[in-house]
Amino acid sequence: MIKIINATVVSDTAVHLCFSDGSAGDYDLSALIARDTVMTRPLRDPEFVARCFLELGALCWPNGLELSAASLQRKLAEQGALVHSNAA
């Protein structure tokens, strides 16, 4: 099971994610923010974005929003934004 092992906010709308298989990428939250739902609306605030944390390998925020490692890794791969480390 893939997990996120590190998450670093790199801009107001992007988080750099490192996965347990050595892959990594910058996930852009813009599409998620554009959904404008009760759960995603707080992400419009960069201070809220910066409050992200990891729980059981998922990317989370204090309002209960949780994004699974597998779905984030898949989206990064589909966008061509997933980089695999040569160090294994």
C-alpha atoms as a PDB file:
ATOM      1  CA  MET A   1       0.000   0.000   0.000  1.00  0.00           C
ATOM      2  CA  ILE A   2       1.455   3.337  -1.086  1.00  0.00           C
ATOM      3  CA  LYS A   3       1.734   6.096   1.528  1.00  0.00           C
ATOM      4  CA  ILE A   4       2.745   9.721   1.524  1.00  0.00           C
ATOM      5  CA  ILE A   5       5.835  10.004   3.708  1.00  0.00           C
ATOM      6  CA  ASN A   6       6.436  13.751   3.383  1.00  0.00           C
ATOM      7  CA  ALA A   7       4.347  16.748   2.324  1.00  0.00           C
ATOM      8  CA  THR A   8       5.776  20.233   1.900  1.00  0.00           C
ATOM      9  CA  VAL A   9       3.709  23.237   0.854  1.00  0.00           C
ATOM     10  CA  VAL A  10       5.551  24.841  -2.090  1.00  0.00           C
ATOM     11  CA  SER A  11       3.041  27.567  -3.018  1.00  0.00           C
ATOM     12  CA  ASP A  12      -0.408  28.863  -2.102  1.00  0.00           C
ATOM     13  CA  THR A  13      -1.965  26.064  -4.154  1.00  0.00           C
ATOM     14  CA  ALA A  14       0.636  23.285  -4.396  1.00  0.00           C
ATOM     15  CA  VAL A  15       2.085  20.623  -2.138  1.00  0.00           C
ATOM     16  CA  HIS A  16       5.234  18.616  -2.862  1.00  0.00           C
ATOM     17  CA  LEU A  17       4.514  14.978  -2.022  1.00  0.00           C
ATOM     18  CA  CYS A  18       7.017  12.179  -1.428  1.00  0.00           C
ATOM     19  CA  PHE A  19       5.640   8.652  -1.610  1.00  0.00           C
ATOM     20  CA  SER A  20       6.813   5.473   0.103  1.00  0.00           C
ATOM     21  CA  ASP A  21       7.926   3.946  -3.224  1.00  0.00           C
ATOM     22  CA  GLY A  22      10.446   6.763  -3.803  1.00  0.00           C
ATOM     23  CA  SER A  23       8.307   8.711  -6.254  1.00  0.00           C
ATOM     24  CA  ALA A  24       7.482  12.384  -5.754  1.00  0.00           C
ATOM     25  CA  GLY A  25       5.708  15.302  -7.376  1.00  0.00           C
ATOM     26  CA  ASP A  26       4.077  18.673  -6.859  1.00  0.00           C
ATOM     27  CA  TYR A  27       0.310  18.330  -6.559  1.00  0.00           C
ATOM     28  CA  ASP A  28      -1.593  21.428  -7.695  1.00  0.00           C
ATOM     29  CA  LEU A  29      -4.711  21.964  -5.595  1.00  0.00           C
ATOM     30  CA  SER A  30      -6.305  24.374  -8.120  1.00  0.00           C
ATOM     31  CA  ALA A  31      -8.749  21.836  -9.590  1.00  0.00           C
ATOM     32  CA  LEU A  32      -9.775  20.765  -6.101  1.00  0.00           C
ATOM     33  CA  ILE A  33     -10.263  24.388  -5.018  1.00  0.00           C
ATOM     34  CA  ALA A  34     -12.333  25.053  -8.163  1.00  0.00           C
ATOM     35  CA  ARG A  35     -14.877  22.434  -7.035  1.00  0.00           C
ATOM     36  CA  ASP A  36     -15.916  24.998  -4.394  1.00  0.00           C
ATOM     37  CA  THR A  37     -17.504  22.537  -1.982  1.00  0.00           C
ATOM     38  CA  VAL A  38     -17.867  22.887   1.762  1.00  0.00           C
ATOM     39  CA  MET A  39     -14.784  20.692   2.212  1.00  0.00           C
ATOM     40  CA  THR A  40     -12.575  22.329  -0.450  1.00  0.00           C
ATOM     41  CA  ARG A  41     -13.541  25.990   0.032  1.00  0.00           C
ATOM     42  CA  PRO A  42     -11.084  26.494   2.945  1.00  0.00           C
ATOM     43  CA  LEU A  43      -8.228  25.649   0.550  1.00  0.00           C
ATOM     44  CA  ARG A  44      -8.692  29.097  -1.014  1.00  0.00           C
ATOM     45  CA  ASP A  45      -6.836  30.415   2.051  1.00  0.00           C
ATOM     46  CA  PRO A  46      -3.060  29.831   1.783  1.00  0.00           C
ATOM     47  CA  GLU A  47      -2.825  29.724   5.585  1.00  0.00           C
ATOM     48  CA  PHE A  48      -5.265  26.826   5.615  1.00  0.00           C
ATOM     49  CA  VAL A  49      -3.361  25.033   2.840  1.00  0.00           C
ATOM     50  CA  ALA A  50      -0.240  25.340   4.997  1.00  0.00           C
ATOM     51  CA  ARG A  51      -2.009  23.467   7.823  1.00  0.00           C
ATOM     52  CA  CYS A  52      -1.901  20.179   5.908  1.00  0.00           C
ATOM     53  CA  PHE A  53      -0.641  17.112   7.740  1.00  0.00           C
ATOM     54  CA  LEU A  54      -0.202  13.408   7.152  1.00  0.00           C
ATOM     55  CA  GLU A  55      -2.357  10.798   8.810  1.00  0.00           C
ATOM     56  CA  LEU A  56      -1.911   7.114   8.047  1.00  0.00           C
ATOM     57  CA  GLY A  57      -0.133   8.026   4.810  1.00  0.00           C
ATOM     58  CA  ALA A  58      -2.874  10.348   3.503  1.00  0.00           C
ATOM     59  CA  LEU A  59      -2.794  14.125   2.974  1.00  0.00           C
ATOM     60  CA  CYS A  60      -5.212  15.782   5.392  1.00  0.00           C
ATOM     61  CA  TRP A  61      -6.481  19.135   6.653  1.00  0.00           C
ATOM     62  CA  PRO A  62      -8.094  20.086   9.969  1.00  0.00           C
ATOM     63  CA  ASN A  63     -11.617  20.261   8.482  1.00  0.00           C
ATOM     64  CA  GLY A  64     -11.590  16.514   7.751  1.00  0.00           C
ATOM     65  CA  LEU A  65     -10.571  16.729   4.089  1.00  0.00           C
ATOM     66  CA  GLU A  66      -8.438  13.676   3.313  1.00  0.00           C
ATOM     67  CA  LEU A  67      -6.774  12.752   0.023  1.00  0.00           C
ATOM     68  CA  SER A  68      -5.453   9.234  -0.371  1.00  0.00           C
ATOM     69  CA  ALA A  69      -1.879   8.590  -1.436  1.00  0.00           C
ATOM     70  CA  ALA A  70      -2.974   6.249  -4.221  1.00  0.00           C
ATOM     71  CA  SER A  71      -5.323   8.783  -5.816  1.00  0.00           C
ATOM     72  CA  LEU A  72      -2.781  11.602  -5.571  1.00  0.00           C
ATOM     73  CA  GLN A  73      -0.026   9.452  -7.041  1.00  0.00           C
ATOM     74  CA  ARG A  74      -2.319   8.350  -9.885  1.00  0.00           C
ATOM     75  CA  LYS A  75      -3.282  11.963 -10.679  1.00  0.00           C
ATOM     76  CA  LEU A  76       0.366  13.047 -10.681  1.00  0.00           C
ATOM     77  CA  ALA A  77       1.250  10.160 -13.011  1.00  0.00           C
ATOM     78  CA  GLU A  78      -1.624  11.036 -15.377  1.00  0.00           C
ATOM     79  CA  GLN A  79      -0.362  14.642 -15.498  1.00  0.00           C
ATOM     80  CA  GLY A  80       3.207  13.528 -16.171  1.00  0.00           C
ATOM     81  CA  ALA A  81       4.240  15.216 -12.912  1.00  0.00           C
ATOM     82  CA  LEU A  82       5.371  12.114 -11.007  1.00  0.00           C
ATOM     83  CA  VAL A  83       9.138  11.643 -10.726  1.00  0.00           C
ATOM     84  CA  HIS A  84      10.651   8.315  -9.702  1.00  0.00           C
ATOM     85  CA  SER A  85      13.867   8.333  -7.703  1.00  0.00           C
ATOM     86  CA  ASN A  86      16.789   6.285  -8.991  1.00  0.00           C
ATOM     87  CA  ALA A  87      17.828   5.553  -5.416  1.00  0.00           C
ATOM     88  CA  ALA A  88      16.046   2.459  -4.206  1.00  0.00           C
END
